[in-house]
Protein backbone atom coordinates (compact mmCIF):
# COMPACT_ATOMS: atom_id res chain seq x y z
CA MET A 1 11.59 14.63 -74.22
CA PHE A 2 15.26 13.38 -73.56
CA MET A 3 18.49 13.87 -75.29
CA SER A 4 20.87 11.35 -74.86
CA VAL A 5 24.87 12.08 -75.14
CA ASN A 6 26.78 9.07 -75.82
CA ALA A 7 24.06 6.96 -74.16
CA GLN A 8 25.45 8.03 -70.73
CA ILE A 9 23.91 11.29 -69.93
CA ASN A 10 20.40 12.06 -70.50
CA VAL A 11 18.75 15.53 -70.35
CA GLY A 12 15.05 15.97 -70.45
CA SER A 13 13.09 18.96 -71.74
CA ASN A 14 12.39 19.92 -68.29
CA GLY A 15 16.11 20.37 -67.65
CA ASN A 16 16.59 17.27 -65.64
CA VAL A 17 19.91 15.61 -66.24
CA GLY A 18 20.46 11.69 -65.55
CA ILE A 19 23.65 10.08 -65.28
CA GLY A 20 23.06 6.60 -65.30
CA SER A 21 19.17 6.99 -65.63
CA SER A 22 16.92 7.07 -68.39
CA ASN A 23 14.37 8.86 -66.95
CA PRO A 24 15.75 11.37 -64.34
CA GLN A 25 13.06 12.67 -61.84
CA SER A 26 15.60 15.05 -59.85
CA LYS A 27 17.42 17.94 -61.47
CA LEU A 28 20.41 15.87 -61.25
CA SER A 29 20.06 11.86 -60.92
CA VAL A 30 22.95 9.57 -60.80
CA ASN A 31 22.63 5.90 -61.03
CA ALA A 32 18.95 6.18 -60.22
CA ASP A 33 15.86 8.19 -61.59
CA GLY A 34 15.52 9.93 -58.01
CA SER A 35 12.60 11.84 -57.35
CA SER A 36 10.94 15.33 -57.95
CA LEU A 37 11.33 16.31 -54.24
CA TYR A 38 14.94 16.06 -54.46
CA GLY A 39 17.26 18.52 -56.26
CA ALA A 40 19.96 16.14 -56.59
CA TYR A 41 20.00 12.13 -56.12
CA ILE A 42 23.04 10.45 -56.10
CA LYS A 43 23.54 6.57 -55.66
CA ASN A 44 27.06 4.97 -55.69
CA LEU A 45 26.71 1.43 -56.81
CA THR A 46 30.10 0.18 -55.75
CA PRO A 47 29.56 -1.87 -52.61
CA ALA A 48 33.30 -1.56 -51.57
CA ASN A 49 35.12 -0.68 -48.32
CA GLY A 50 35.37 3.04 -48.31
CA ALA A 51 32.66 3.71 -50.80
CA VAL A 52 31.03 7.03 -50.44
CA GLY A 53 27.92 8.38 -52.28
CA LEU A 54 28.89 12.20 -52.31
CA PHE A 55 32.45 13.61 -51.64
CA SER A 56 32.76 17.21 -51.24
CA THR A 57 36.00 19.51 -50.41
CA THR A 58 37.34 22.75 -50.87
CA ALA A 59 40.69 24.27 -50.53
CA VAL A 60 41.79 25.93 -47.61
CA LYS A 61 44.60 28.89 -47.60
CA ASP A 62 47.66 27.96 -45.91
CA THR A 63 48.50 30.76 -43.49
CA ALA A 64 50.79 30.91 -40.45
CA ILE A 65 48.04 32.74 -38.41
CA ASN A 66 44.71 32.06 -38.02
CA THR A 67 42.83 34.91 -40.00
CA GLY A 68 39.36 33.94 -38.94
CA TYR A 69 38.36 32.87 -42.47
CA CYS A 70 35.35 30.57 -42.88
CA TYR A 71 35.67 27.49 -44.99
CA LYS A 72 32.78 24.97 -45.89
CA SER A 73 33.04 21.51 -47.62
CA VAL A 74 29.33 21.26 -47.58
CA TRP A 75 26.97 24.41 -46.97
CA ALA A 76 23.23 23.44 -46.49
CA PRO A 77 21.39 26.51 -45.48
CA ILE A 78 17.69 26.39 -45.11
CA THR A 79 15.28 29.06 -43.65
CA SER A 80 13.14 27.48 -40.90
CA GLY A 81 9.32 28.23 -41.54
CA ASP A 82 6.41 25.84 -41.45
CA GLY A 83 6.99 22.06 -40.51
CA TYR A 84 10.28 20.54 -39.91
CA THR A 85 13.26 21.99 -41.32
CA PHE A 86 17.10 20.20 -41.43
CA GLY A 87 20.25 22.10 -42.21
CA LEU A 88 21.66 18.54 -42.55
CA TYR A 89 19.90 15.25 -42.21
CA GLY A 90 21.72 12.16 -41.69
CA GLN A 91 20.38 8.81 -41.56
CA SER A 92 21.78 5.30 -41.11
CA LEU A 93 19.21 2.38 -40.27
CA SER A 94 17.99 -0.84 -40.84
CA SER A 95 14.26 -1.93 -40.89
CA ILE A 96 14.88 -4.66 -38.53
CA PRO A 97 17.54 -5.36 -35.78
CA VAL A 98 20.90 -6.91 -37.35
CA SER A 99 24.04 -8.29 -35.32
CA LYS A 100 26.31 -6.82 -37.72
CA GLY A 101 27.89 -3.67 -38.80
CA ARG A 102 27.84 -0.11 -37.05
CA SER A 103 25.27 2.55 -37.79
CA PHE A 104 26.10 6.31 -37.47
CA GLY A 105 23.55 8.81 -38.41
CA VAL A 106 26.34 11.81 -38.25
CA TYR A 107 29.81 11.19 -37.81
CA GLY A 108 32.24 14.05 -36.96
CA VAL A 109 36.12 14.17 -36.47
CA ALA A 110 38.45 17.07 -36.03
CA ALA A 111 41.88 17.43 -34.88
CA ASN A 112 45.14 19.63 -34.92
CA ALA A 113 43.68 22.93 -35.23
CA THR A 114 44.40 25.64 -32.51
CA SER A 115 44.48 23.58 -29.11
CA GLY A 116 41.09 23.90 -27.44
CA TYR A 117 38.93 24.61 -30.72
CA ASN A 118 38.46 21.15 -32.10
CA TYR A 119 35.14 19.94 -32.22
CA GLY A 120 33.69 16.77 -33.90
CA VAL A 121 30.45 18.19 -33.95
CA LEU A 122 29.52 21.83 -33.06
CA GLY A 123 25.91 22.85 -32.36
CA ALA A 124 25.00 26.51 -31.66
CA LEU A 125 21.48 27.82 -30.56
CA SER A 126 20.97 31.47 -32.01
CA GLY A 127 17.97 33.68 -32.02
CA THR A 128 16.06 34.13 -28.93
CA ALA A 129 13.42 31.20 -28.95
CA ASN A 130 13.93 28.33 -26.28
CA GLY A 131 15.93 25.06 -27.63
CA ALA A 132 18.88 23.43 -27.39
CA ALA A 133 22.10 23.47 -29.61
CA ILE A 134 22.34 19.34 -29.16
CA PHE A 135 19.38 17.31 -28.45
CA GLY A 136 19.36 13.60 -27.96
CA THR A 137 16.61 11.33 -27.12
CA THR A 138 15.76 7.80 -26.88
CA SER A 139 12.20 8.41 -27.22
CA THR A 140 10.01 7.13 -29.84
CA ASN A 141 9.17 10.50 -30.67
CA ALA A 142 12.12 10.96 -33.24
CA TRP A 143 11.32 14.82 -33.96
CA GLY A 144 12.23 15.87 -30.53
CA GLU A 145 10.35 17.43 -27.49
CA ALA A 146 9.50 21.00 -26.27
CA VAL A 147 12.57 22.61 -24.36
CA SER A 148 11.27 25.00 -21.48
CA GLY A 149 14.53 27.27 -22.06
CA ARG A 150 17.86 27.83 -23.58
CA TYR A 151 20.34 25.05 -23.19
CA ALA A 152 23.68 24.17 -25.04
CA GLY A 153 22.54 20.35 -24.86
CA CYS A 154 19.29 18.50 -24.00
CA PHE A 155 18.82 14.81 -23.37
CA VAL A 156 15.73 12.81 -23.20
CA GLY A 157 16.50 9.20 -21.72
CA ASP A 158 19.27 7.48 -19.92
CA THR A 159 22.66 9.08 -20.60
CA TYR A 160 25.83 7.08 -20.39
CA ILE A 161 29.26 8.83 -19.73
CA ASN A 162 32.32 6.61 -19.79
CA GLY A 163 34.92 8.95 -18.27
CA LYS A 164 35.06 12.18 -16.13
CA LEU A 165 32.52 14.97 -15.96
CA GLY A 166 33.25 18.65 -15.29
CA LEU A 167 30.44 21.06 -14.62
CA GLY A 168 31.75 24.67 -14.80
CA ILE A 169 35.33 23.14 -14.28
CA ALA A 170 37.65 20.79 -16.25
CA PRO A 171 37.45 17.54 -14.97
CA THR A 172 40.61 15.93 -13.21
CA THR A 173 40.83 13.08 -10.74
CA TYR A 174 37.18 12.69 -9.88
CA ALA A 175 34.32 10.82 -11.92
CA LEU A 176 32.33 14.26 -11.19
CA ASP A 177 33.88 17.69 -10.65
CA VAL A 178 31.59 20.53 -10.02
CA ASN A 179 32.43 24.31 -9.73
CA GLY A 180 29.52 25.59 -8.05
CA VAL A 181 26.54 24.18 -5.85
CA VAL A 182 24.90 20.80 -6.30
CA ARG A 183 21.48 20.26 -5.22
CA ALA A 184 19.51 17.08 -5.01
CA THR A 185 16.47 15.23 -3.40
CA SER A 186 19.01 12.79 -1.81
CA PHE A 187 22.44 11.29 -1.98
CA LEU A 188 23.05 7.49 -1.62
CA GLN A 189 26.09 5.96 -1.20
CA SER A 190 26.86 2.19 -1.64
CA SER A 191 27.06 0.38 1.76
CA ASP A 192 26.21 -3.24 1.28
CA ASN A 193 27.89 -5.70 3.57
CA ARG A 194 28.78 -7.99 0.53
CA LEU A 195 30.84 -5.01 -0.85
CA LYS A 196 32.91 -4.77 2.25
CA GLU A 197 35.73 -6.72 3.97
CA ASN A 198 38.07 -6.21 7.04
CA VAL A 199 35.17 -4.63 9.01
CA THR A 200 36.22 -3.26 12.41
CA ASP A 201 34.43 -1.29 15.04
CA LEU A 202 35.49 2.37 15.86
CA LYS A 203 36.60 3.17 19.28
CA ASP A 204 37.70 5.99 21.42
CA CYS A 205 36.34 8.43 18.78
CA LEU A 206 35.67 11.35 21.20
CA PRO A 207 39.20 12.31 21.86
CA THR A 208 40.48 12.68 18.24
CA LEU A 209 37.15 14.30 17.42
CA ARG A 210 37.70 16.94 19.85
CA GLN A 211 40.82 18.04 17.80
CA LEU A 212 38.95 19.30 14.82
CA ARG A 213 38.90 22.81 14.42
CA SER A 214 35.70 24.38 12.75
CA VAL A 215 36.28 27.31 10.65
CA SER A 216 34.28 29.87 8.59
CA TYR A 217 35.94 30.95 5.40
CA ASN A 218 35.41 32.56 1.90
CA LEU A 219 36.53 30.80 -1.40
CA LYS A 220 39.07 32.06 -3.57
CA ALA A 221 37.82 32.98 -6.86
CA PRO A 222 39.40 31.18 -9.88
CA GLN A 223 41.18 33.46 -12.40
CA ASN A 224 41.12 33.68 -16.12
CA SER A 225 44.50 34.70 -16.51
CA SER A 226 46.10 31.33 -17.44
CA LEU A 227 43.54 30.95 -20.31
CA LYS A 228 44.08 34.21 -21.63
CA ASN A 229 47.79 33.95 -21.90
CA PHE A 230 47.43 30.74 -23.32
CA ILE A 231 45.27 32.08 -26.13
CA LYS A 232 47.36 34.90 -26.91
CA SER A 233 50.56 32.55 -27.12
CA SER A 234 48.75 30.06 -29.35
CA GLY A 235 48.30 32.89 -32.19
CA ASP A 236 44.65 32.48 -32.26
CA THR A 237 43.26 36.04 -33.48
CA ILE A 238 39.77 34.95 -33.25
CA ALA A 239 37.88 37.11 -30.42
CA GLU A 240 38.50 35.38 -27.05
CA THR A 241 35.17 33.78 -25.68
CA SER A 242 34.44 33.50 -21.82
CA ALA A 243 35.30 29.79 -21.39
CA LEU A 244 35.50 29.94 -17.54
CA LYS A 245 32.32 31.43 -15.79
CA VAL A 246 32.42 32.31 -12.23
CA ASP A 247 29.54 32.20 -9.83
CA SER A 248 30.18 35.30 -7.82
CA ALA A 249 27.56 34.59 -5.27
CA LEU A 250 29.56 31.18 -4.35
CA TYR A 251 32.83 33.31 -3.76
CA SER A 252 31.27 36.08 -1.87
CA LYS A 253 29.24 34.19 0.57
CA LYS A 254 30.84 32.84 3.86
CA HIS A 255 31.29 29.00 4.42
CA ILE A 256 31.81 26.78 7.16
CA GLY A 257 33.86 23.71 7.45
CA PHE A 258 37.34 22.24 8.20
CA ILE A 259 41.00 22.83 6.65
CA ALA A 260 41.79 19.60 4.63
CA GLN A 261 45.46 19.51 5.70
CA GLU A 262 44.38 19.77 9.55
CA VAL A 263 41.76 16.95 8.92
CA GLN A 264 44.52 14.67 7.11
CA GLN A 265 46.55 14.84 10.57
CA LEU A 266 43.46 13.32 12.33
CA TYR A 267 41.90 11.10 9.62
CA PRO A 268 44.14 10.68 6.48
CA GLN A 269 41.39 8.19 5.23
CA LEU A 270 39.06 11.06 4.65
CA ILE A 271 41.14 13.12 2.35
CA GLN A 272 41.34 12.92 -1.37
CA VAL A 273 44.23 14.15 -3.34
CA ASP A 274 43.90 15.29 -6.97
CA LYS A 275 46.53 15.48 -10.04
CA ASP A 276 47.17 19.21 -8.86
CA SER A 277 47.63 18.16 -5.52
CA LEU A 278 44.75 19.87 -4.06
CA LEU A 279 42.77 18.29 -1.18
CA ALA A 280 39.17 17.40 -0.63
CA ILE A 281 37.32 16.24 2.29
CA ASP A 282 34.86 13.43 2.51
CA TYR A 283 32.53 14.98 4.90
CA ILE A 284 29.96 12.12 4.95
CA GLY A 285 32.90 9.69 6.23
CA LEU A 286 32.77 11.89 9.52
CA ILE A 287 29.15 10.63 10.17
CA PRO A 288 30.08 7.35 11.70
CA ILE A 289 32.80 8.86 13.65
CA ILE A 290 30.46 11.49 15.14
CA VAL A 291 27.85 8.84 15.88
CA GLU A 292 30.55 6.83 17.63
CA ALA A 293 31.60 10.11 19.72
CA LEU A 294 27.98 10.81 20.59
CA LYS A 295 27.74 7.10 22.01
CA GLU A 296 30.78 7.59 24.02
CA GLN A 297 29.48 10.77 25.28
CA ASP A 298 25.98 9.17 26.12
CA SER A 299 27.79 6.31 28.20
CA ILE A 300 29.80 9.14 30.21
CA ILE A 301 26.47 10.99 30.87
CA CYS A 302 24.83 7.81 31.93
CA GLU A 303 27.56 6.92 34.52
CA LEU A 304 27.23 10.52 35.68
CA ASN A 305 23.41 10.22 35.95
CA GLN A 306 23.69 6.86 38.04
CA GLU A 307 26.42 8.40 40.28
CA ILE A 308 24.00 11.65 40.80
CA LYS A 309 21.08 9.12 41.50
CA SER A 310 23.25 7.07 43.69
CA LEU A 311 24.30 10.44 45.84
CA ARG A 312 20.81 11.83 45.82
CA SER A 313 19.42 8.40 47.44
CA SER A 314 22.32 8.75 50.22
CA LEU A 315 21.05 12.32 50.85
CA ASN A 316 17.38 11.24 51.13
CA LYS A 317 18.27 8.49 53.61
CA ILE A 318 19.92 10.91 55.76
CA SER A 319 17.48 13.56 55.36
CA SER A 320 14.84 10.78 56.63
CA LYS A 321 16.70 10.21 59.62
CA GLN A 322 17.12 13.60 61.00
CA ASP A 323 17.61 12.56 64.58
CA ALA A 324 19.63 9.43 63.81
CA PRO A 325 23.15 9.85 64.69
CA ILE A 326 25.68 10.48 61.81
CA ALA A 327 28.94 8.33 62.24
CA LEU A 328 32.11 9.86 61.50
CA SER A 329 35.48 8.40 60.78
CA ASP A 330 36.56 9.18 64.34
CA ASN A 331 33.60 7.23 65.65
CA VAL A 332 32.20 10.35 67.17
CA ALA A 333 28.42 10.16 66.71
CA LEU A 334 26.58 13.46 65.76
CA THR A 335 22.93 14.31 65.13
CA LYS A 336 21.37 16.76 62.76
CA LYS A 337 21.18 19.17 65.54
CA ALA A 338 24.77 19.09 66.09
CA VAL A 339 25.42 20.23 62.49
CA LYS A 340 25.63 24.09 62.09
CA PHE A 341 26.65 26.61 59.58
CA LEU A 342 29.42 29.05 60.78
CA PRO A 343 30.35 32.21 58.90
CA LEU A 344 33.59 32.81 57.06
CA PRO A 345 35.49 35.59 58.63
CA GLY A 346 35.35 38.84 56.71
CA LEU A 347 32.52 37.58 54.52
CA ARG A 348 29.24 39.12 55.84
CA ASN A 349 27.65 35.74 55.90
CA LYS A 350 27.42 35.76 52.35
CA ASN A 351 29.22 32.52 52.10
CA LYS A 352 28.65 29.91 54.83
CA ASN A 353 30.94 26.99 55.69
CA LEU A 354 29.43 23.67 56.90
CA THR A 355 31.15 23.09 59.85
CA LEU A 356 30.52 19.91 62.14
CA CYS A 357 30.52 19.99 65.88
CA ASP A 358 30.07 17.17 68.45
CA GLU A 359 27.44 16.70 70.98
CA LYS A 360 29.43 19.25 73.30
CA LYS A 361 29.31 21.92 70.42
CA GLU A 362 33.09 21.71 70.14
CA VAL A 363 34.21 22.38 66.30
CA ARG A 364 35.23 19.06 64.87
CA GLN A 365 38.07 19.85 62.04
């Protein structure tokens, strides 16, 4: 049984209300019958630019200072339990690929609130069970995958970032800025000959490399004071959160390396300077320099070895001819028997001086 009001609103005996629907299946059906599974079913029949299926907003108290009040234009609480539960479910798709339009399952925009507290989308993981505040996947398993830990974000599939990324620190100059220790199975650096020009050999690396000073040091721990001063000056009375986490082990341990300013004097091409004028060293760039220095050192060692071999050869020839005359520069011929050791005065024979004598046993100076 339905009651019609001006043929526009239909109210069924079950309490269902239909607007533009003669047989409302939802508690509220607008421009469609809906479904008994939906508490409200609203369909906008106007296919115009800017059309909205449901528009909801709420008034916000205008205050000079943030009081911590909470306002929601849409509130969709649900108690999790058996099966899948969604506080807010957004879907925008086509059953087949098309080459027009843009599709957004969920779209969020935020602006001009307290600086530092504007989030287009905010996700929070509460409770004690494992999971992620934000989960993204390209997998065909649209219902996500098990997460073995508690994370602010978890992504399954290739992830693309068009911009800078900071881990534990706000990114500044570099594509990836990390405040902490990075571990990886390996690091690769593009080095294809087709990517290079003006290639020249490194020469005379050893003298410059000798000037490098190796040091041990501790890192200075960053301070939160600037962040706290900013929050205080902004007039935000919301409780402060720990926006800057410091790994104490990283700053208490001793490190080994170089001083960037000193390296800059010798190898300026190995130094990078960020927007805050902080210097960083390209340690990997030192490898070719060390390799060439080792090659130069090896060449010196080989030459010395050759000289030693030559001297040994000469001594062996002399030793094999024990009774053969030894020619001196003054054309005096000596034999091995004419070579004797004489003690130096006052040294009690601890050190002996090699002295040459002629066959008449007269000392030759």
